[in-house]
Protein backbone atom coordinates (compact mmCIF):
# COMPACT_ATOMS: atom_id res chain seq x y z
CA MET A 1 36.98 -39.88 19.89
CA GLU A 2 35.32 -37.14 21.77
CA ASN A 3 31.73 -36.86 20.57
CA LYS A 4 31.07 -33.09 20.53
CA THR A 5 27.57 -32.04 21.04
CA ILE A 6 26.11 -28.73 19.79
CA ASP A 7 22.92 -27.40 21.37
CA LEU A 8 21.37 -25.84 18.30
CA TYR A 9 18.51 -24.21 20.32
CA ILE A 10 20.74 -21.68 21.92
CA TRP A 11 21.94 -20.74 18.39
CA PHE A 12 18.45 -20.60 17.02
CA SER A 13 17.20 -18.46 19.72
CA LEU A 14 20.12 -16.04 19.66
CA LYS A 15 19.13 -15.52 15.82
CA GLY A 16 15.36 -15.19 16.46
CA GLU A 17 14.47 -18.45 14.82
CA ILE A 18 13.46 -20.80 17.61
CA GLY A 19 10.22 -21.81 15.98
CA THR A 20 7.25 -22.03 18.29
CA LEU A 21 9.37 -21.15 21.27
CA LYS A 22 10.56 -17.74 20.15
CA LYS A 23 8.19 -15.24 21.48
CA SER A 24 8.03 -13.94 24.94
CA ILE A 25 6.13 -17.11 25.83
CA ILE A 26 6.21 -17.86 29.35
CA THR A 27 6.39 -16.18 32.59
CA LEU A 28 6.76 -19.63 34.47
CA SER A 29 6.57 -18.00 37.95
CA LEU A 30 7.38 -21.18 39.76
CA ALA A 31 7.25 -19.81 43.17
CA ALA A 32 4.35 -22.13 42.99
CA ILE A 33 6.22 -25.18 43.67
CA LEU A 34 6.67 -26.85 47.13
CA GLY A 35 9.73 -27.77 48.83
CA PHE A 36 9.02 -31.34 48.73
CA GLY A 37 12.18 -32.05 51.03
CA SER A 38 10.12 -30.10 54.01
CA LEU A 39 7.51 -32.93 53.99
CA THR A 40 9.73 -34.63 56.63
CA VAL A 41 7.54 -36.15 59.59
CA GLY A 42 7.77 -34.30 62.73
CA MET A 43 9.21 -31.07 61.50
CA PRO A 44 7.67 -27.98 63.36
CA ALA A 45 5.71 -25.72 61.19
CA ASP A 46 5.76 -21.88 61.37
CA GLN A 47 2.16 -21.17 60.97
CA ALA A 48 2.81 -17.47 59.77
CA ALA A 49 5.40 -18.65 57.18
CA ALA A 50 2.98 -21.46 55.93
CA ALA A 51 0.20 -18.83 55.40
CA ASN A 52 2.64 -16.60 53.78
CA LYS A 53 3.74 -19.49 51.49
CA LEU A 54 0.03 -20.31 50.49
CA ASN A 55 -0.75 -16.65 49.55
CA GLU A 56 2.45 -16.69 47.45
CA LEU A 57 0.94 -19.73 45.63
CA ASN A 58 -2.48 -18.28 45.02
CA SER A 59 -0.85 -15.16 44.06
CA GLN A 60 1.50 -16.85 41.49
CA ARG A 61 -1.67 -18.88 40.23
CA ASN A 62 -3.73 -15.84 39.84
CA LYS A 63 -0.98 -14.14 37.81
CA VAL A 64 -0.65 -16.93 35.68
CA GLN A 65 -4.53 -16.95 35.16
CA GLN A 66 -4.12 -13.26 34.17
CA GLU A 67 -1.32 -13.99 31.73
CA ARG A 68 -3.18 -16.93 30.10
CA SER A 69 -6.27 -14.71 29.76
CA GLY A 70 -3.77 -12.11 27.98
CA VAL A 71 -2.56 -14.70 25.74
CA GLU A 72 -6.18 -15.58 24.89
CA SER A 73 -6.79 -12.10 24.06
CA LYS A 74 -3.75 -11.84 21.77
CA ILE A 75 -4.83 -14.96 20.12
CA ASN A 76 -8.11 -13.55 19.30
CA SER A 77 -6.41 -10.29 18.25
CA THR A 78 -4.28 -12.20 15.91
CA ASP A 79 -7.06 -14.18 14.54
CA GLN A 80 -9.00 -10.95 13.82
CA LYS A 81 -5.72 -9.33 12.14
CA ILE A 82 -5.36 -12.56 9.99
CA THR A 83 -9.17 -12.08 8.89
CA GLU A 84 -8.09 -8.63 7.98
CA ILE A 85 -4.98 -9.67 5.98
CA GLN A 86 -7.16 -12.33 4.14
CA GLY A 87 -9.71 -9.69 3.31
CA GLU A 88 -6.87 -7.39 2.21
CA GLN A 89 -5.65 -10.33 0.12
CA LYS A 90 -8.85 -10.89 -1.50
CA SER A 91 -9.01 -7.12 -2.38
CA VAL A 92 -5.48 -7.45 -3.73
CA LYS A 93 -6.26 -10.37 -5.89
CA SER A 94 -9.02 -8.41 -7.35
CA GLU A 95 -6.86 -5.55 -8.12
CA ILE A 96 -4.13 -7.85 -9.44
CA GLU A 97 -7.01 -9.53 -11.83
CA ARG A 98 -7.93 -5.93 -12.85
CA LEU A 99 -4.28 -5.16 -13.56
CA ASP A 100 -3.88 -8.43 -15.69
CA GLN A 101 -6.87 -7.67 -17.76
CA ALA A 102 -5.48 -4.18 -18.29
CA ILE A 103 -2.21 -5.31 -19.27
CA SER A 104 -3.88 -7.62 -21.80
CA ASP A 105 -5.90 -4.88 -23.22
CA ALA A 106 -2.65 -2.73 -23.36
CA LEU A 107 -0.84 -5.46 -25.34
CA ALA A 108 -3.71 -5.60 -27.70
CA LYS A 109 -3.46 -2.03 -28.24
CA ILE A 110 0.36 -2.18 -28.47
CA GLU A 111 -0.02 -5.03 -31.45
CA GLU A 112 -2.88 -2.73 -32.96
CA LYS A 113 -0.32 0.24 -33.16
CA ASN A 114 2.28 -2.11 -34.38
CA GLN A 115 0.04 -2.89 -37.23
CA GLN A 116 -0.81 0.71 -37.86
CA ILE A 117 2.83 1.52 -37.79
CA ASP A 118 3.53 -1.06 -40.52
CA THR A 119 0.48 0.10 -42.73
CA THR A 120 1.88 3.61 -42.25
CA LYS A 121 5.50 2.68 -43.24
CA LYS A 122 3.86 1.14 -46.48
CA GLU A 123 1.96 4.27 -47.20
CA ILE A 124 4.89 6.30 -46.87
CA LYS A 125 7.09 4.12 -48.97
CA LYS A 126 4.18 4.37 -51.61
CA LEU A 127 4.01 8.22 -51.16
CA GLU A 128 7.69 8.16 -51.67
CA GLY A 129 7.11 6.71 -55.05
CA GLU A 130 4.60 9.15 -56.12
CA ILE A 131 6.79 11.87 -55.13
CA LYS A 132 9.50 10.65 -57.17
CA VAL A 133 7.08 10.65 -60.24
CA LEU A 134 6.14 14.05 -59.61
CA VAL A 135 9.66 15.36 -59.37
CA GLU A 136 10.48 13.54 -62.73
CA ARG A 137 7.54 15.21 -64.49
CA ILE A 138 8.30 18.70 -62.97
CA GLU A 139 11.97 18.33 -64.08
CA LYS A 140 10.78 17.31 -67.59
CA ARG A 141 8.58 20.33 -67.80
CA ASN A 142 11.05 22.52 -66.39
CA GLU A 143 13.28 21.50 -69.40
CA LEU A 144 10.38 22.13 -71.80
CA LEU A 145 9.72 25.62 -70.41
CA LYS A 146 13.31 26.52 -70.49
CA ASP A 147 13.36 25.42 -74.38
CA ARG A 148 10.33 27.66 -75.02
CA ALA A 149 12.01 30.62 -72.95
CA ARG A 150 15.12 30.25 -75.17
CA ASN A 151 13.02 30.22 -78.38
CA TYR A 152 11.12 33.23 -77.22
CA GLN A 153 14.30 34.96 -76.52
CA GLU A 154 15.94 33.98 -79.82
CA THR A 155 12.95 34.97 -82.03
CA GLY A 156 11.74 38.10 -79.78
CA GLY A 157 8.92 36.47 -78.11
CA MET A 158 5.38 37.74 -79.15
CA VAL A 159 6.89 39.66 -81.93
CA SER A 160 7.51 36.46 -83.80
CA TYR A 161 3.73 35.71 -83.49
CA ILE A 162 2.84 39.12 -85.28
CA ASP A 163 5.41 38.24 -87.98
CA VAL A 164 3.57 34.84 -88.36
CA LEU A 165 0.14 36.75 -88.77
CA MET A 166 1.46 39.56 -91.17
CA GLY A 167 2.95 37.18 -93.40
CA ALA A 168 -0.63 35.69 -94.33
CA GLN A 169 -1.11 35.87 -98.20
CA SER A 170 -4.96 35.94 -97.96
CA PHE A 171 -7.69 36.62 -95.42
CA GLY A 172 -8.35 32.82 -95.03
CA ASP A 173 -4.66 32.16 -94.35
CA PHE A 174 -4.64 34.94 -91.98
CA VAL A 175 -7.59 33.27 -90.00
CA GLU A 176 -5.88 29.97 -90.08
CA ARG A 177 -2.49 31.66 -88.59
CA VAL A 178 -4.56 33.46 -85.87
CA GLY A 179 -5.94 29.86 -84.87
CA ALA A 180 -2.70 28.29 -84.99
CA VAL A 181 -0.96 30.92 -82.87
CA ALA A 182 -4.02 30.80 -80.27
CA THR A 183 -3.65 27.16 -79.92
CA ILE A 184 0.18 27.33 -79.19
CA VAL A 185 -0.40 30.10 -76.65
CA GLU A 186 -3.22 27.99 -75.02
CA ALA A 187 -0.63 25.07 -74.83
CA ASP A 188 1.80 27.04 -73.07
CA GLN A 189 -0.69 28.07 -70.78
CA ASP A 190 -1.82 24.49 -69.87
CA ILE A 191 1.80 23.53 -69.55
CA LEU A 192 2.18 26.29 -66.96
CA LYS A 193 -0.94 25.30 -65.21
CA ALA A 194 -0.19 21.51 -64.92
CA HIS A 195 3.40 22.53 -64.03
CA GLN A 196 2.01 24.60 -61.02
CA ALA A 197 -0.61 22.02 -60.05
CA ASP A 198 2.22 19.30 -59.73
CA LYS A 199 4.15 21.75 -57.70
CA ASP A 200 1.37 22.14 -55.38
CA GLU A 201 0.61 18.53 -55.18
CA LEU A 202 4.40 18.00 -54.49
CA GLU A 203 4.29 20.33 -51.66
CA LYS A 204 1.12 18.77 -50.18
CA LYS A 205 2.53 15.33 -50.51
CA GLN A 206 5.70 16.42 -48.96
CA ALA A 207 3.77 17.88 -46.28
CA GLN A 208 1.66 14.65 -45.75
CA VAL A 209 4.93 12.72 -45.36
CA LYS A 210 6.28 15.05 -42.69
CA GLU A 211 2.81 14.67 -40.85
CA GLU A 212 2.84 11.02 -41.05
CA LEU A 213 6.45 10.74 -39.86
CA ALA A 214 5.59 12.99 -36.99
CA SER A 215 2.49 10.77 -36.19
CA LEU A 216 4.68 7.69 -36.34
CA GLU A 217 7.20 9.27 -33.89
CA ASN A 218 4.19 10.02 -31.54
CA MET A 219 2.94 6.42 -31.60
CA ARG A 220 6.31 5.08 -30.82
CA ALA A 221 6.94 7.44 -28.02
CA GLU A 222 3.46 6.41 -26.72
CA LEU A 223 4.16 2.84 -26.96
CA GLU A 224 7.50 3.39 -25.08
CA SER A 225 5.63 5.27 -22.31
CA MET A 226 2.89 2.57 -22.18
CA LYS A 227 5.63 -0.24 -21.89
CA LYS A 228 7.19 1.49 -18.98
CA ASN A 229 4.01 1.97 -17.16
CA LEU A 230 2.97 -1.61 -17.63
CA ASN A 231 6.47 -2.71 -16.22
CA ALA A 232 6.02 -0.39 -13.11
CA GLN A 233 2.64 -1.92 -12.64
CA LYS A 234 3.97 -5.42 -12.86
CA ALA A 235 6.82 -4.47 -10.26
CA GLU A 236 4.42 -2.87 -8.08
CA LYS A 237 2.31 -6.01 -8.03
CA ASP A 238 5.31 -8.14 -7.44
CA LYS A 239 6.20 -6.16 -4.50
CA LEU A 240 2.69 -6.29 -3.06
CA LEU A 241 2.39 -9.89 -3.41
CA ALA A 242 5.51 -10.73 -1.67
CA ALA A 243 4.44 -8.25 1.25
CA LEU A 244 1.27 -9.86 1.71
CA GLU A 245 2.98 -13.41 1.73
CA LYS A 246 5.43 -12.30 4.23
CA GLU A 247 2.90 -10.66 6.47
CA GLU A 248 0.58 -13.79 6.32
CA LYS A 249 3.47 -16.15 7.38
CA GLU A 250 4.40 -13.79 10.10
CA MET A 251 1.08 -13.76 11.54
CA HIS A 252 0.69 -17.33 11.32
CA THR A 253 3.86 -17.89 13.00
CA HIS A 254 2.86 -15.55 15.59
CA LYS A 255 -0.25 -17.27 16.34
CA LEU A 256 1.51 -20.82 16.66
CA ASP A 257 3.81 -18.91 19.13
CA LEU A 258 0.75 -17.79 21.19
CA ALA A 259 -0.89 -21.19 21.09
CA GLU A 260 2.22 -22.73 22.53
CA GLU A 261 2.33 -20.06 25.17
CA ARG A 262 -1.09 -20.63 25.94
CA GLU A 263 -0.49 -24.32 26.49
CA ILE A 264 2.69 -23.86 28.65
CA LEU A 265 0.74 -21.24 30.78
CA ALA A 266 -2.09 -23.79 31.18
CA GLY A 267 0.37 -26.32 32.41
CA GLN A 268 1.86 -23.96 34.69
CA GLU A 269 -1.45 -23.07 36.10
CA ALA A 270 -2.28 -26.71 36.83
CA ALA A 271 1.05 -27.14 38.41
CA LEU A 272 0.43 -24.25 40.68
CA GLN A 273 -2.93 -25.48 41.59
CA LYS A 274 -1.46 -28.97 42.46
CA ALA A 275 1.24 -27.35 44.56
CA ILE A 276 -1.35 -25.41 46.50
CA ASN A 277 -3.24 -28.56 47.34
CA LEU A 278 0.17 -30.35 48.16
CA GLU A 279 1.18 -27.26 50.48
CA GLN A 280 -2.06 -27.50 52.22
CA GLN A 281 -1.65 -31.20 52.83
CA ARG A 282 1.76 -30.70 53.96
CA GLN A 283 0.89 -28.01 56.50
CA ALA A 284 -2.20 -30.37 57.90
CA GLU A 285 0.48 -33.05 58.01
CA ALA A 286 2.86 -30.78 59.99
CA ALA A 287 -0.17 -29.63 62.27
CA ARG A 288 -1.04 -33.30 62.92
CA GLN A 289 2.73 -34.13 63.76
CA VAL A 290 3.09 -31.28 66.14
CA GLU A 291 -0.15 -32.27 67.75
CA LEU A 292 1.06 -35.86 68.06
CA ALA A 293 4.27 -34.70 69.69
CA ARG A 294 2.54 -32.83 71.84
CA GLN A 295 0.37 -35.51 72.94
CA ARG A 296 3.60 -37.84 73.55
CA ALA A 297 5.41 -35.23 75.52
CA ALA A 298 2.16 -34.98 77.66
CA GLN A 299 1.88 -38.62 78.16
CA GLU A 300 5.48 -38.97 79.03
CA ALA A 301 5.22 -36.12 81.45
CA ALA A 302 2.34 -37.74 83.29
CA LYS A 303 4.25 -40.91 83.59
CA ALA A 304 7.10 -39.00 85.21
CA SER A 305 9.40 -40.87 83.10
CA SER A 306 11.17 -40.11 79.86
CA SER A 307 13.25 -42.20 77.50
CA PRO A 308 15.39 -40.56 74.89
CA SER A 309 14.50 -41.67 71.59
CA SER A 310 15.42 -40.78 68.21
CA ALA A 311 13.93 -41.39 64.88
CA GLY A 312 15.76 -41.55 61.84
CA SER A 313 14.89 -42.05 58.23
CA SER A 314 17.33 -42.72 55.65
CA SER A 315 16.34 -42.95 52.12
CA SER A 316 18.39 -44.59 49.49
CA SER A 317 17.56 -44.31 45.73
CA SER A 318 18.61 -47.17 43.90
CA PRO A 319 19.70 -45.30 40.48
CA GLN A 320 19.14 -47.28 37.24
CA ILE A 321 22.01 -48.66 35.62
CA SER A 322 24.28 -45.84 34.24
CA ALA A 323 22.25 -43.31 36.15
CA PRO A 324 24.16 -41.11 38.61
CA PRO A 325 24.13 -41.80 42.29
CA VAL A 326 21.47 -39.52 44.04
CA SER A 327 23.45 -36.72 45.90
CA SER A 328 22.57 -35.64 49.30
CA GLY A 329 21.33 -32.18 49.72
CA SER A 330 18.41 -30.55 47.46
CA TRP A 331 19.95 -31.16 44.07
CA THR A 332 21.32 -34.18 42.22
CA LYS A 333 23.33 -34.40 38.57
CA PRO A 334 20.46 -35.18 36.11
CA ALA A 335 22.52 -37.64 33.89
CA ALA A 336 25.66 -39.53 33.81
CA GLY A 337 28.35 -38.37 31.43
CA ARG A 338 30.89 -35.69 30.64
CA VAL A 339 30.12 -32.33 30.15
CA SER A 340 30.68 -31.58 26.59
CA SER A 341 29.73 -27.92 26.49
CA GLY A 342 29.39 -25.38 29.50
CA PHE A 343 27.39 -22.21 30.22
CA GLY A 344 28.28 -19.13 28.75
CA GLY A 345 29.46 -17.75 25.39
CA ARG A 346 30.73 -20.07 22.89
CA SER A 347 31.33 -20.13 19.11
CA LEU A 348 27.48 -20.26 18.14
CA GLY A 349 26.69 -17.62 20.67
CA GLN A 350 25.65 -17.60 24.33
CA HIS A 351 24.81 -21.13 25.68
CA TYR A 352 22.16 -20.77 28.80
CA GLY A 353 22.82 -24.24 29.83
CA VAL A 354 25.27 -27.13 30.35
CA ASP A 355 25.51 -30.20 27.88
CA ILE A 356 26.01 -33.64 29.27
CA ALA A 357 27.05 -36.25 26.78
CA SER A 358 27.35 -39.90 27.03
CA GLY A 359 26.60 -42.92 24.69
CA GLY A 360 24.31 -45.83 24.86
CA THR A 361 20.93 -45.92 26.95
CA VAL A 362 21.42 -43.01 29.62
CA PRO A 363 18.58 -42.48 32.06
CA ILE A 364 17.77 -38.57 32.76
CA VAL A 365 16.51 -37.77 36.42
CA ALA A 366 14.90 -35.07 37.96
CA ALA A 367 17.49 -32.80 39.53
CA ALA A 368 15.39 -31.93 42.65
CA ASP A 369 11.87 -32.57 43.94
CA GLY A 370 9.32 -30.65 41.94
CA VAL A 371 6.06 -30.62 39.77
CA VAL A 372 6.27 -30.98 35.84
CA ILE A 373 5.14 -28.09 34.20
CA ARG A 374 5.29 -29.35 30.76
CA SER A 375 6.10 -32.45 29.14
CA TYR A 376 5.97 -32.24 25.31
CA TYR A 377 7.82 -32.28 21.78
CA SER A 378 9.38 -28.96 20.89
CA SER A 379 10.77 -28.29 17.28
CA SER A 380 13.87 -26.82 18.92
CA TYR A 381 14.11 -28.56 22.21
CA GLY A 382 12.95 -31.96 20.92
CA ASN A 383 11.51 -34.14 23.49
CA ALA A 384 11.64 -31.71 26.60
CA ILE A 385 10.67 -31.47 30.20
CA PHE A 386 9.95 -28.43 32.43
CA ILE A 387 10.09 -28.87 36.12
CA ALA A 388 9.25 -26.35 38.97
CA HIS A 389 11.03 -26.53 42.33
CA SER A 390 11.09 -24.81 45.66
CA ILE A 391 14.21 -24.92 47.44
CA ASN A 392 14.80 -23.32 50.90
CA GLY A 393 12.06 -20.48 49.92
CA GLN A 394 13.77 -20.03 46.29
CA THR A 395 11.79 -21.05 43.31
CA TYR A 396 13.64 -22.50 40.42
CA THR A 397 12.92 -23.85 36.91
CA THR A 398 14.87 -26.75 35.47
CA VAL A 399 14.77 -27.83 31.61
CA TYR A 400 15.69 -31.14 30.05
CA ALA A 401 16.07 -31.07 26.24
CA HIS A 402 16.95 -33.37 23.32
CA MET A 403 15.73 -36.64 25.04
CA ARG A 404 15.00 -39.67 23.18
CA SER A 405 12.04 -40.38 25.31
CA ARG A 406 10.00 -39.07 28.15
CA SER A 407 8.57 -41.05 31.08
CA VAL A 408 6.63 -38.27 33.03
CA GLY A 409 3.62 -36.24 31.79
CA SER A 410 2.62 -32.49 32.59
CA GLY A 411 1.45 -32.13 36.03
CA ALA A 412 3.34 -35.03 37.54
CA THR A 413 5.07 -34.88 40.89
CA VAL A 414 8.52 -36.02 40.71
CA SER A 415 11.27 -36.65 43.37
CA LYS A 416 14.96 -36.06 43.24
CA GLY A 417 16.62 -38.71 41.25
CA GLN A 418 13.40 -40.09 39.98
CA GLN A 419 13.85 -41.10 36.27
CA ILE A 420 12.14 -38.83 33.80
CA GLY A 421 13.19 -39.87 30.39
CA ILE A 422 16.29 -41.37 28.15
CA MET A 423 19.04 -39.19 26.78
CA GLY A 424 18.73 -38.63 22.92
CA ASN A 425 19.47 -36.40 20.01
CA THR A 426 15.83 -34.97 19.27
CA GLY A 427 15.01 -31.41 18.04
CA GLN A 428 17.69 -28.92 16.77
CA SER A 429 20.48 -30.95 18.19
CA TYR A 430 24.01 -32.82 16.89
CA GLY A 431 24.94 -35.99 18.89
CA GLN A 432 23.25 -37.60 21.88
CA HIS A 433 23.43 -35.45 24.96
CA LEU A 434 21.12 -33.80 27.67
CA HIS A 435 20.78 -29.89 27.50
CA PHE A 436 20.21 -28.97 30.98
CA GLU A 437 19.07 -25.46 32.19
CA LEU A 438 18.68 -24.06 35.36
CA HIS A 439 16.66 -20.58 36.17
CA ARG A 440 16.37 -19.09 39.34
CA GLY A 441 12.45 -18.19 39.23
CA SER A 442 10.64 -18.66 36.02
CA TRP A 443 11.83 -19.74 32.53
CA ASN A 444 11.39 -17.26 29.62
CA ALA A 445 12.34 -17.02 26.29
CA SER A 446 15.17 -14.35 26.82
CA LYS A 447 16.71 -16.91 29.37
CA SER A 448 17.13 -13.72 31.64
CA ASN A 449 16.85 -16.02 34.90
CA ALA A 450 19.46 -18.62 33.41
CA ILE A 451 22.28 -19.54 35.99
CA ASN A 452 25.16 -21.81 35.49
CA PRO A 453 24.30 -25.14 37.24
CA ILE A 454 27.76 -26.15 37.75
CA GLY A 455 28.56 -25.59 41.57
CA ILE A 456 24.67 -25.76 42.33
CA VAL A 457 23.12 -28.85 40.88
CA PHE A 458 26.33 -30.59 40.25
C-alpha cells in the first residue's frame, strides 16, 4: 500500500508557524562554496578568474559577518524590549493589586449599603405603622368634632352656654355654671390643638417617608453604578493581562528565532572561511600542476622526443546498500525511493521541495560536493543538514530534512554520494521520507530561491 508522506514543514511555514525557523533567518549566501569537482589534477588555472573567486568568497564572508552583527544587535534590542515588558508587567501587576484592593473596598461598601437599606426598610415599615395609628386617631377625632359641630348647630352654639348661665338659681350656682362652661370650652380647644398637632406630625412623617424612599432609590442607583464600574475595571484588567502575556510570548519566540539565525549565520561564516582556505589550496595546487606540466614539456622538448601520454582517472563510488548509484556529472540523487510528493502547489499549500519515500534503513547522501553549513535538529525540519555547493560558477544550497540520524557535522567537507544520514520521520512529518530542497543561491525562510530539483539533481 502506498505510503503517502506529508512534509508538514511547508504547511507550517505557509501558516507562519514554523517555530524557530519562521523568521527571516538566513541569507545563506553560499557563493562561498568551492566547486570541488574542479580540483582535478592538471587542470589549467585562470588566474584572473581565481582571484575573482577569492574576492567573491571574501565578500560573501564579510556580508555574513555583517548580517551576524545585525542579528546580535537585534538580540540585544529584543533583550532590552523584554526587560521593558517585564518592567511594564511589574507596574501592571502593582496596578492590578491596587484594583483588587479597590474592588475589595467597594464590595465592603456595597455590603454596608445593603445593611443600611435593610435598616431603612425596617424604619419605613415602623413609620408606616405609626402613620396608621395617627390616621386612626385623626379619624376618631374628626368624628368627635363632627358630633360637637352637630350639637352646636342643633342647640344654637354659644347661645346654649348663655342659657345655661342665665338659668342659675343663685350666685353660687352661677359661679359653678361659669366654671363648667369654661372647662367645656377649654376641652374643645385642647381637642382642636391635639388634632392640629396630629395633622402636623402626620404631614412630617409622610414627608420623612418620601425622603427615606428617595434616599433608598439613590443608594440603589449608586450601587448599580458601582457594580458597572467594577465590572468595567475587571474586564480592562483581564484584557491588559491577556495583551501582556501575548506580547511576552511573541518576544520570547522572536528571541529564539534570532538565536537560531545567529547560529546558522555563524555556521555559514565558518563554512565560508573553510571555502576560502580550500580555494586557496586549490589555486596553489593548480599553479603547482601547471608548473609541473611546463617542466615536463621543457624536458621533453630538450630530449627532442615526445611520447603521447594520457592520464585518466576514474572514481567509483561504492554506494551503501539501498543507496542510489552515484551519477556522473555534478549532481546525484540523494536517496533511493519513490517521489511521493513533488515540487509546487498541493492541498496543504506550496511545497518547496521534493519528498522521496522508502521503507527500511535508507542512506541519505550528499547530492554534490560541498561544505556543510549546519547539521542540527529543528522542531520543524527534524534532523536536518544544510549543504552549500558551487557548480560551474553558480552557488546552490541543498537541504535534507526529517532524517532519522545525521553522520556529518557543521563545517564538514562532503563529496557527491557521501553518506550524510539515514532516512527517517523526525520533526513535523508523517511517514518515513526525505524532504529535499534545492535553492539557486542562498536558503531563506520565504524560500524565494527554491527551484524544482527534478531534471537538475535527478
